[in-house]
Amino acid sequence: MAAQTTYTASPVAGIPGMLYDMMPSVDILSSTWGNATGCDIGDFATYLAAETVELPDAAADVTANGRGFVIYQPHRVAAQIARYEQVSLLRRGRIWLFCVDLIAANAPIYVRRDGTNNGKLYAASTGASLLPGIKCLVGAAAGGTGLFEVDLTQT
């Protein structure tokens, strides 16, 4: 019998798009990915038309038309969502999300809408819009995963 020779003292707590918990107040919306440009698990999605969603490409997409964050589905093989696939979006609850920039707990959070990495979280407003209804609970370094509390039910 082989012995374990390596271990980690700090395992990953969550992966992008993974729900933190399933409290009764969690609000999940099902929709269809409508844009030819796919998205990654954990990306922010905005209303396109007729109950379809896409990545944001304008300020209003973030501030007024946001539908939620794409939830991780363990049965998925591909990491990216393709056009016409069904997606589950978190509108209210706690979720692990990828951070392009360093995001500290309780700091303002922006969603990229202009350029590369659309739909991902940023700490700066360049090419991004402030997202109402989100709070960072556990911050993350640039390229890391942080824990966020989301409430987009009022937008």
C-alpha atoms as a PDB file:
ATOM      1  CA  MET A   1       0.000   0.000   0.000  1.00  0.00           C
ATOM      2  CA  ALA A   2       1.390   3.388  -1.018  1.00  0.00           C
ATOM      3  CA  ALA A   3       1.701   6.193   1.476  1.00  0.00           C
ATOM      4  CA  GLN A   4       0.579   9.716   0.755  1.00  0.00           C
ATOM      5  CA  THR A   5       3.700  11.801   0.126  1.00  0.00           C
ATOM      6  CA  THR A   6       2.232  15.255  -0.501  1.00  0.00           C
ATOM      7  CA  TYR A   7      -0.635  17.280   0.834  1.00  0.00           C
ATOM      8  CA  THR A   8      -1.813  20.866   0.928  1.00  0.00           C
ATOM      9  CA  ALA A   9      -2.349  22.859   4.070  1.00  0.00           C
ATOM     10  CA  SER A  10      -4.666  25.283   2.284  1.00  0.00           C
ATOM     11  CA  PRO A  11      -7.032  23.514  -0.117  1.00  0.00           C
ATOM     12  CA  VAL A  12      -9.167  25.558  -2.492  1.00  0.00           C
ATOM     13  CA  ALA A  13     -12.329  26.641  -0.690  1.00  0.00           C
ATOM     14  CA  GLY A  14     -14.400  27.116  -3.818  1.00  0.00           C
ATOM     15  CA  ILE A  15     -14.261  27.322  -7.580  1.00  0.00           C
ATOM     16  CA  PRO A  16     -15.805  30.037  -9.758  1.00  0.00           C
ATOM     17  CA  GLY A  17     -19.564  29.664 -10.037  1.00  0.00           C
ATOM     18  CA  MET A  18     -19.892  27.276  -7.084  1.00  0.00           C
ATOM     19  CA  LEU A  19     -22.652  28.127  -4.627  1.00  0.00           C
ATOM     20  CA  TYR A  20     -21.521  28.654  -1.052  1.00  0.00           C
ATOM     21  CA  ASP A  21     -24.728  27.390   0.502  1.00  0.00           C
ATOM     22  CA  MET A  22     -28.391  26.743  -0.287  1.00  0.00           C
ATOM     23  CA  MET A  23     -30.313  28.946   2.121  1.00  0.00           C
ATOM     24  CA  PRO A  24     -34.082  29.314   1.597  1.00  0.00           C
ATOM     25  CA  SER A  25     -33.500  32.851   0.303  1.00  0.00           C
ATOM     26  CA  VAL A  26     -31.379  31.677  -2.663  1.00  0.00           C
ATOM     27  CA  ASP A  27     -32.908  32.841  -5.953  1.00  0.00           C
ATOM     28  CA  ILE A  28     -31.908  30.989  -9.145  1.00  0.00           C
ATOM     29  CA  LEU A  29     -33.117  31.838 -12.652  1.00  0.00           C
ATOM     30  CA  SER A  30     -32.944  29.479 -15.636  1.00  0.00           C
ATOM     31  CA  SER A  31     -32.315  30.933 -19.060  1.00  0.00           C
ATOM     32  CA  THR A  32     -30.785  30.263 -22.475  1.00  0.00           C
ATOM     33  CA  TRP A  33     -27.378  31.588 -23.517  1.00  0.00           C
ATOM     34  CA  GLY A  34     -28.262  33.676 -26.564  1.00  0.00           C
ATOM     35  CA  ASN A  35     -24.995  35.137 -27.814  1.00  0.00           C
ATOM     36  CA  ALA A  36     -22.611  33.416 -30.215  1.00  0.00           C
ATOM     37  CA  THR A  37     -19.799  34.398 -27.852  1.00  0.00           C
ATOM     38  CA  GLY A  38     -19.775  31.840 -25.079  1.00  0.00           C
ATOM     39  CA  CYS A  39     -19.077  32.519 -21.418  1.00  0.00           C
ATOM     40  CA  ASP A  40     -17.194  30.967 -18.534  1.00  0.00           C
ATOM     41  CA  ILE A  41     -18.770  29.498 -15.432  1.00  0.00           C
ATOM     42  CA  GLY A  42     -19.173  32.304 -12.880  1.00  0.00           C
ATOM     43  CA  ASP A  43     -19.500  35.105 -15.453  1.00  0.00           C
ATOM     44  CA  PHE A  44     -22.101  37.855 -15.052  1.00  0.00           C
ATOM     45  CA  ALA A  45     -24.991  37.574 -17.519  1.00  0.00           C
ATOM     46  CA  THR A  46     -27.331  40.274 -18.756  1.00  0.00           C
ATOM     47  CA  TYR A  47     -30.716  40.254 -20.513  1.00  0.00           C
ATOM     48  CA  LEU A  48     -30.558  39.867 -24.303  1.00  0.00           C
ATOM     49  CA  ALA A  49     -34.139  39.203 -25.484  1.00  0.00           C
ATOM     50  CA  ALA A  50     -36.948  36.683 -25.064  1.00  0.00           C
ATOM     51  CA  GLU A  51     -35.502  35.114 -21.892  1.00  0.00           C
ATOM     52  CA  THR A  52     -32.008  34.750 -23.306  1.00  0.00           C
ATOM     53  CA  VAL A  53     -28.833  36.159 -21.758  1.00  0.00           C
ATOM     54  CA  GLU A  54     -25.376  37.287 -22.873  1.00  0.00           C
ATOM     55  CA  LEU A  55     -22.222  38.956 -21.555  1.00  0.00           C
ATOM     56  CA  PRO A  56     -22.590  42.676 -20.781  1.00  0.00           C
ATOM     57  CA  ASP A  57     -21.377  45.173 -23.376  1.00  0.00           C
ATOM     58  CA  ALA A  58     -22.874  48.440 -22.085  1.00  0.00           C
ATOM     59  CA  ALA A  59     -23.166  50.201 -18.727  1.00  0.00           C
ATOM     60  CA  ALA A  60     -26.925  49.588 -18.517  1.00  0.00           C
ATOM     61  CA  ASP A  61     -26.326  45.866 -18.953  1.00  0.00           C
ATOM     62  CA  VAL A  62     -24.556  45.867 -15.599  1.00  0.00           C
ATOM     63  CA  THR A  63     -26.509  48.490 -13.676  1.00  0.00           C
ATOM     64  CA  ALA A  64     -30.067  47.771 -14.830  1.00  0.00           C
ATOM     65  CA  ASN A  65     -30.330  44.614 -16.969  1.00  0.00           C
ATOM     66  CA  GLY A  66     -28.252  42.140 -14.983  1.00  0.00           C
ATOM     67  CA  ARG A  67     -29.746  38.686 -14.629  1.00  0.00           C
ATOM     68  CA  GLY A  68     -27.147  36.930 -12.455  1.00  0.00           C
ATOM     69  CA  PHE A  69     -23.977  34.853 -12.323  1.00  0.00           C
ATOM     70  CA  VAL A  70     -23.618  31.567 -14.221  1.00  0.00           C
ATOM     71  CA  ILE A  71     -23.681  28.735 -11.675  1.00  0.00           C
ATOM     72  CA  TYR A  72     -21.235  25.825 -11.737  1.00  0.00           C
ATOM     73  CA  GLN A  73     -22.851  22.548 -12.793  1.00  0.00           C
ATOM     74  CA  PRO A  74     -20.806  19.484 -11.719  1.00  0.00           C
ATOM     75  CA  HIS A  75     -22.146  17.356 -14.591  1.00  0.00           C
ATOM     76  CA  ARG A  76     -20.791  19.729 -17.270  1.00  0.00           C
ATOM     77  CA  VAL A  77     -17.758  18.539 -19.205  1.00  0.00           C
ATOM     78  CA  ALA A  78     -16.898  21.827 -20.966  1.00  0.00           C
ATOM     79  CA  ALA A  79     -15.905  24.825 -18.868  1.00  0.00           C
ATOM     80  CA  GLN A  80     -17.497  27.258 -21.308  1.00  0.00           C
ATOM     81  CA  ILE A  81     -21.175  27.800 -22.056  1.00  0.00           C
ATOM     82  CA  ALA A  82     -22.019  27.802 -25.782  1.00  0.00           C
ATOM     83  CA  ARG A  83     -24.863  29.479 -27.653  1.00  0.00           C
ATOM     84  CA  TYR A  84     -28.365  28.043 -27.009  1.00  0.00           C
ATOM     85  CA  GLU A  85     -27.262  26.120 -23.911  1.00  0.00           C
ATOM     86  CA  GLN A  86     -29.393  26.292 -20.801  1.00  0.00           C
ATOM     87  CA  VAL A  87     -27.804  28.134 -17.884  1.00  0.00           C
ATOM     88  CA  SER A  88     -28.692  28.602 -14.239  1.00  0.00           C
ATOM     89  CA  LEU A  89     -28.086  32.099 -12.914  1.00  0.00           C
ATOM     90  CA  LEU A  90     -27.730  33.107  -9.279  1.00  0.00           C
ATOM     91  CA  ARG A  91     -29.804  36.237  -8.572  1.00  0.00           C
ATOM     92  CA  ARG A  92     -29.614  36.121  -4.780  1.00  0.00           C
ATOM     93  CA  GLY A  93     -27.307  34.096  -2.559  1.00  0.00           C
ATOM     94  CA  ARG A  94     -23.624  33.471  -1.871  1.00  0.00           C
ATOM     95  CA  ILE A  95     -21.264  32.311  -4.603  1.00  0.00           C
ATOM     96  CA  TRP A  96     -17.551  31.901  -5.328  1.00  0.00           C
ATOM     97  CA  LEU A  97     -16.432  34.094  -8.262  1.00  0.00           C
ATOM     98  CA  PHE A  98     -13.234  34.686 -10.238  1.00  0.00           C
ATOM     99  CA  CYS A  99     -11.548  38.065  -9.614  1.00  0.00           C
ATOM    100  CA  VAL A 100      -9.437  39.590 -12.387  1.00  0.00           C
ATOM    101  CA  ASP A 101      -8.086  42.222  -9.951  1.00  0.00           C
ATOM    102  CA  LEU A 102      -7.371  42.058  -6.249  1.00  0.00           C
ATOM    103  CA  ILE A 103     -10.735  42.579  -4.564  1.00  0.00           C
ATOM    104  CA  ALA A 104     -10.836  43.208  -0.830  1.00  0.00           C
ATOM    105  CA  ALA A 105     -13.773  42.454   1.444  1.00  0.00           C
ATOM    106  CA  ASN A 106     -16.408  45.239   1.391  1.00  0.00           C
ATOM    107  CA  ALA A 107     -14.691  47.025  -1.545  1.00  0.00           C
ATOM    108  CA  PRO A 108     -16.696  48.374  -4.523  1.00  0.00           C
ATOM    109  CA  ILE A 109     -17.084  45.736  -7.239  1.00  0.00           C
ATOM    110  CA  TYR A 110     -17.188  46.386 -10.958  1.00  0.00           C
ATOM    111  CA  VAL A 111     -18.172  44.132 -13.869  1.00  0.00           C
ATOM    112  CA  ARG A 112     -16.183  44.381 -17.085  1.00  0.00           C
ATOM    113  CA  ARG A 113     -18.331  45.380 -20.074  1.00  0.00           C
ATOM    114  CA  ASP A 114     -15.924  46.905 -22.573  1.00  0.00           C
ATOM    115  CA  GLY A 115     -13.147  44.763 -24.006  1.00  0.00           C
ATOM    116  CA  THR A 116     -11.637  41.489 -22.877  1.00  0.00           C
ATOM    117  CA  ASN A 117     -12.952  39.616 -19.837  1.00  0.00           C
ATOM    118  CA  ASN A 118     -16.505  40.941 -20.175  1.00  0.00           C
ATOM    119  CA  GLY A 119     -18.692  39.636 -17.365  1.00  0.00           C
ATOM    120  CA  LYS A 120     -15.800  39.215 -14.916  1.00  0.00           C
ATOM    121  CA  LEU A 121     -15.232  41.092 -11.646  1.00  0.00           C
ATOM    122  CA  TYR A 122     -12.803  44.009 -11.376  1.00  0.00           C
ATOM    123  CA  ALA A 123     -11.730  46.417  -8.643  1.00  0.00           C
ATOM    124  CA  ALA A 124     -11.390  49.369 -11.056  1.00  0.00           C
ATOM    125  CA  SER A 125     -13.953  51.166 -13.182  1.00  0.00           C
ATOM    126  CA  THR A 126     -11.995  51.349 -16.462  1.00  0.00           C
ATOM    127  CA  GLY A 127     -14.185  49.604 -19.057  1.00  0.00           C
ATOM    128  CA  ALA A 128     -16.397  48.366 -16.238  1.00  0.00           C
ATOM    129  CA  SER A 129     -19.522  49.435 -14.354  1.00  0.00           C
ATOM    130  CA  LEU A 130     -20.272  49.362 -10.636  1.00  0.00           C
ATOM    131  CA  LEU A 131     -22.529  46.421  -9.867  1.00  0.00           C
ATOM    132  CA  PRO A 132     -25.289  47.224  -7.381  1.00  0.00           C
ATOM    133  CA  GLY A 133     -26.351  44.415  -5.080  1.00  0.00           C
ATOM    134  CA  ILE A 134     -23.045  42.584  -4.575  1.00  0.00           C
ATOM    135  CA  LYS A 135     -20.741  42.477  -1.574  1.00  0.00           C
ATOM    136  CA  CYS A 136     -17.364  40.783  -1.205  1.00  0.00           C
ATOM    137  CA  LEU A 137     -17.318  38.588   1.912  1.00  0.00           C
ATOM    138  CA  VAL A 138     -13.903  36.969   1.383  1.00  0.00           C
ATOM    139  CA  GLY A 139     -11.519  38.882  -0.867  1.00  0.00           C
ATOM    140  CA  ALA A 140      -9.208  37.388  -3.446  1.00  0.00           C
ATOM    141  CA  ALA A 141      -5.895  38.201  -5.093  1.00  0.00           C
ATOM    142  CA  ALA A 142      -5.783  38.977  -8.802  1.00  0.00           C
ATOM    143  CA  GLY A 143      -6.604  35.762 -10.642  1.00  0.00           C
ATOM    144  CA  GLY A 144      -8.071  34.215  -7.495  1.00  0.00           C
ATOM    145  CA  THR A 145     -11.528  33.211  -6.319  1.00  0.00           C
ATOM    146  CA  GLY A 146     -13.455  35.214  -3.715  1.00  0.00           C
ATOM    147  CA  LEU A 147     -16.736  34.712  -1.888  1.00  0.00           C
ATOM    148  CA  PHE A 148     -19.538  37.150  -2.714  1.00  0.00           C
ATOM    149  CA  GLU A 149     -23.044  37.825  -1.494  1.00  0.00           C
ATOM    150  CA  VAL A 150     -25.328  38.723  -4.378  1.00  0.00           C
ATOM    151  CA  ASP A 151     -28.797  40.311  -4.415  1.00  0.00           C
ATOM    152  CA  LEU A 152     -29.825  41.311  -7.912  1.00  0.00           C
ATOM    153  CA  THR A 153     -33.544  40.893  -7.251  1.00  0.00           C
ATOM    154  CA  GLN A 154     -33.969  44.681  -7.057  1.00  0.00           C
ATOM    155  CA  THR A 155     -32.297  45.467 -10.410  1.00  0.00           C
END
